[in-house]
């Protein structure tokens, strides 16, 4: 419920479900770069937050990746961790956030 509520609250507050627009409102820079093995990642450098997305992906996967990484930023306070070191449900939470942002009016 917490994830659904956070996604719904963001969508209502900023009047959009677009992960790109939400990132902009939250002062998160979205960058597109070609990558070989990853869809994207998020990072923070000197208080600036970034979402880096694989520019080789189709548009719909780029949008899904942006929503997923936005979920990491919104749902988790910590930075610089590897998802392999955490329980399975933590890895799923950004995926749930991404799904709720994109399909929220159906859920």
C-alpha atoms as a PDB file:
ATOM      1  CA  UNK A   1       0.000   0.000   0.000  1.00  0.00           C
ATOM      2  CA  UNK A   2       2.842   2.396   0.792  1.00  0.00           C
ATOM      3  CA  UNK A   3       4.210   2.166  -2.756  1.00  0.00           C
ATOM      4  CA  UNK A   4       0.818   2.653  -4.390  1.00  0.00           C
ATOM      5  CA  UNK A   5       0.108   5.602  -2.100  1.00  0.00           C
ATOM      6  CA  UNK A   6       3.475   7.260  -2.841  1.00  0.00           C
ATOM      7  CA  UNK A   7       3.014   6.877  -6.613  1.00  0.00           C
ATOM      8  CA  UNK A   8      -0.575   8.132  -6.467  1.00  0.00           C
ATOM      9  CA  UNK A   9       0.405  11.108  -4.306  1.00  0.00           C
ATOM     10  CA  UNK A  10       3.180  12.101  -6.718  1.00  0.00           C
ATOM     11  CA  UNK A  11       0.832  11.841  -9.697  1.00  0.00           C
ATOM     12  CA  UNK A  12      -1.815  13.960  -7.968  1.00  0.00           C
ATOM     13  CA  UNK A  13       0.623  16.573  -6.667  1.00  0.00           C
ATOM     14  CA  UNK A  14       2.250  17.189 -10.052  1.00  0.00           C
ATOM     15  CA  UNK A  15      -0.783  16.341 -12.245  1.00  0.00           C
ATOM     16  CA  UNK A  16       1.153  13.815 -14.318  1.00  0.00           C
ATOM     17  CA  UNK A  17       2.116  10.150 -14.390  1.00  0.00           C
ATOM     18  CA  UNK A  18       5.000  10.721 -16.789  1.00  0.00           C
ATOM     19  CA  UNK A  19       8.230   9.593 -15.106  1.00  0.00           C
ATOM     20  CA  UNK A  20      10.158  12.188 -17.142  1.00  0.00           C
ATOM     21  CA  UNK A  21       7.963  15.051 -15.934  1.00  0.00           C
ATOM     22  CA  UNK A  22       8.015  13.774 -12.344  1.00  0.00           C
ATOM     23  CA  UNK A  23      11.811  13.576 -12.439  1.00  0.00           C
ATOM     24  CA  UNK A  24      11.943  17.166 -13.678  1.00  0.00           C
ATOM     25  CA  UNK A  25       9.615  18.370 -10.887  1.00  0.00           C
ATOM     26  CA  UNK A  26      11.807  16.556  -8.337  1.00  0.00           C
ATOM     27  CA  UNK A  27      14.999  18.151  -9.741  1.00  0.00           C
ATOM     28  CA  UNK A  28      16.340  14.854 -11.040  1.00  0.00           C
ATOM     29  CA  UNK A  29      18.261  15.083 -14.296  1.00  0.00           C
ATOM     30  CA  UNK A  30      17.488  12.331 -16.816  1.00  0.00           C
ATOM     31  CA  UNK A  31      20.421  11.467 -19.080  1.00  0.00           C
ATOM     32  CA  UNK A  32      20.438   9.101 -22.070  1.00  0.00           C
ATOM     33  CA  UNK A  33      23.641   7.177 -22.884  1.00  0.00           C
ATOM     34  CA  UNK A  34      24.319   4.034 -24.908  1.00  0.00           C
ATOM     35  CA  UNK A  35      25.014   1.020 -22.672  1.00  0.00           C
ATOM     36  CA  UNK A  36      25.581  -2.637 -23.408  1.00  0.00           C
ATOM     37  CA  UNK A  37      24.175  -4.638 -20.498  1.00  0.00           C
ATOM     38  CA  UNK A  38      21.975  -2.426 -18.374  1.00  0.00           C
ATOM     39  CA  UNK A  39      18.738  -0.565 -18.883  1.00  0.00           C
ATOM     40  CA  UNK A  40      19.682   2.244 -16.524  1.00  0.00           C
ATOM     41  CA  UNK A  41      20.708   3.352 -13.049  1.00  0.00           C
ATOM     42  CA  UNK A  42      20.350   6.247 -10.657  1.00  0.00           C
ATOM     43  CA  UNK A  43      23.081   8.105  -8.814  1.00  0.00           C
ATOM     44  CA  UNK A  44      23.757  11.204  -6.788  1.00  0.00           C
ATOM     45  CA  UNK A  45      26.841  13.348  -7.320  1.00  0.00           C
ATOM     46  CA  UNK A  46      27.412  16.351  -5.057  1.00  0.00           C
ATOM     47  CA  UNK A  47      23.706  16.637  -4.140  1.00  0.00           C
ATOM     48  CA  UNK A  48      22.634  16.422  -7.807  1.00  0.00           C
ATOM     49  CA  UNK A  49      20.457  13.429  -8.628  1.00  0.00           C
ATOM     50  CA  UNK A  50      20.614  11.643 -11.965  1.00  0.00           C
ATOM     51  CA  UNK A  51      18.775   8.891 -13.770  1.00  0.00           C
ATOM     52  CA  UNK A  52      20.860   7.430 -16.592  1.00  0.00           C
ATOM     53  CA  UNK A  53      18.923   5.491 -19.238  1.00  0.00           C
ATOM     54  CA  UNK A  54      20.243   3.279 -22.026  1.00  0.00           C
ATOM     55  CA  UNK A  55      19.634   5.206 -25.253  1.00  0.00           C
ATOM     56  CA  UNK A  56      19.717   1.958 -27.257  1.00  0.00           C
ATOM     57  CA  UNK A  57      16.410   0.808 -25.728  1.00  0.00           C
ATOM     58  CA  UNK A  58      13.045   1.310 -27.463  1.00  0.00           C
ATOM     59  CA  UNK A  59      11.046   4.303 -26.196  1.00  0.00           C
ATOM     60  CA  UNK A  60       8.610   2.258 -24.095  1.00  0.00           C
ATOM     61  CA  UNK A  61      11.498   0.535 -22.260  1.00  0.00           C
ATOM     62  CA  UNK A  62      13.251   3.864 -21.700  1.00  0.00           C
ATOM     63  CA  UNK A  63      10.078   5.188 -20.067  1.00  0.00           C
ATOM     64  CA  UNK A  64       9.701   2.040 -17.936  1.00  0.00           C
ATOM     65  CA  UNK A  65      13.358   2.286 -16.880  1.00  0.00           C
ATOM     66  CA  UNK A  66      12.928   5.934 -15.916  1.00  0.00           C
ATOM     67  CA  UNK A  67       9.897   5.054 -13.773  1.00  0.00           C
ATOM     68  CA  UNK A  68      11.796   2.168 -12.169  1.00  0.00           C
ATOM     69  CA  UNK A  69      14.815   4.330 -11.289  1.00  0.00           C
ATOM     70  CA  UNK A  70      12.511   7.074 -10.050  1.00  0.00           C
ATOM     71  CA  UNK A  71      11.073   4.438  -7.718  1.00  0.00           C
ATOM     72  CA  UNK A  72      14.550   3.830  -6.280  1.00  0.00           C
ATOM     73  CA  UNK A  73      15.008   7.529  -5.603  1.00  0.00           C
ATOM     74  CA  UNK A  74      11.560   8.108  -4.107  1.00  0.00           C
ATOM     75  CA  UNK A  75      11.296   4.900  -2.074  1.00  0.00           C
ATOM     76  CA  UNK A  76      14.850   4.421  -0.772  1.00  0.00           C
ATOM     77  CA  UNK A  77      16.884   6.964   1.170  1.00  0.00           C
ATOM     78  CA  UNK A  78      20.231   5.175   0.719  1.00  0.00           C
ATOM     79  CA  UNK A  79      22.435   5.540  -2.336  1.00  0.00           C
ATOM     80  CA  UNK A  80      25.247   3.544  -3.817  1.00  0.00           C
ATOM     81  CA  UNK A  81      24.005   0.064  -2.921  1.00  0.00           C
ATOM     82  CA  UNK A  82      23.912  -2.985  -5.138  1.00  0.00           C
ATOM     83  CA  UNK A  83      20.535  -4.633  -5.426  1.00  0.00           C
ATOM     84  CA  UNK A  84      22.095  -8.118  -5.102  1.00  0.00           C
ATOM     85  CA  UNK A  85      22.811  -7.437  -1.425  1.00  0.00           C
ATOM     86  CA  UNK A  86      19.191  -6.750  -0.475  1.00  0.00           C
ATOM     87  CA  UNK A  87      16.099  -8.894   0.043  1.00  0.00           C
ATOM     88  CA  UNK A  88      14.000  -9.655  -3.023  1.00  0.00           C
ATOM     89  CA  UNK A  89      11.073  -7.402  -2.027  1.00  0.00           C
ATOM     90  CA  UNK A  90      13.287  -4.285  -1.982  1.00  0.00           C
ATOM     91  CA  UNK A  91      14.301  -4.960  -5.579  1.00  0.00           C
ATOM     92  CA  UNK A  92      10.645  -5.307  -6.544  1.00  0.00           C
ATOM     93  CA  UNK A  93       9.478  -2.064  -4.946  1.00  0.00           C
ATOM     94  CA  UNK A  94      10.771   0.246  -7.730  1.00  0.00           C
ATOM     95  CA  UNK A  95       9.209  -2.108 -10.272  1.00  0.00           C
ATOM     96  CA  UNK A  96       5.891  -1.780  -8.446  1.00  0.00           C
ATOM     97  CA  UNK A  97       6.319   2.003  -8.391  1.00  0.00           C
ATOM     98  CA  UNK A  98       6.943   1.986 -12.142  1.00  0.00           C
ATOM     99  CA  UNK A  99       3.862  -0.127 -12.784  1.00  0.00           C
ATOM    100  CA  UNK A 100       1.657   2.025 -10.556  1.00  0.00           C
ATOM    101  CA  UNK A 101       2.855   5.245 -12.213  1.00  0.00           C
ATOM    102  CA  UNK A 102       2.095   3.907 -15.655  1.00  0.00           C
ATOM    103  CA  UNK A 103      -1.120   2.009 -14.890  1.00  0.00           C
ATOM    104  CA  UNK A 104      -2.275   3.822 -11.758  1.00  0.00           C
ATOM    105  CA  UNK A 105      -5.672   4.842 -13.013  1.00  0.00           C
ATOM    106  CA  UNK A 106      -6.434   1.164 -13.696  1.00  0.00           C
ATOM    107  CA  UNK A 107      -5.310  -0.135 -10.282  1.00  0.00           C
END
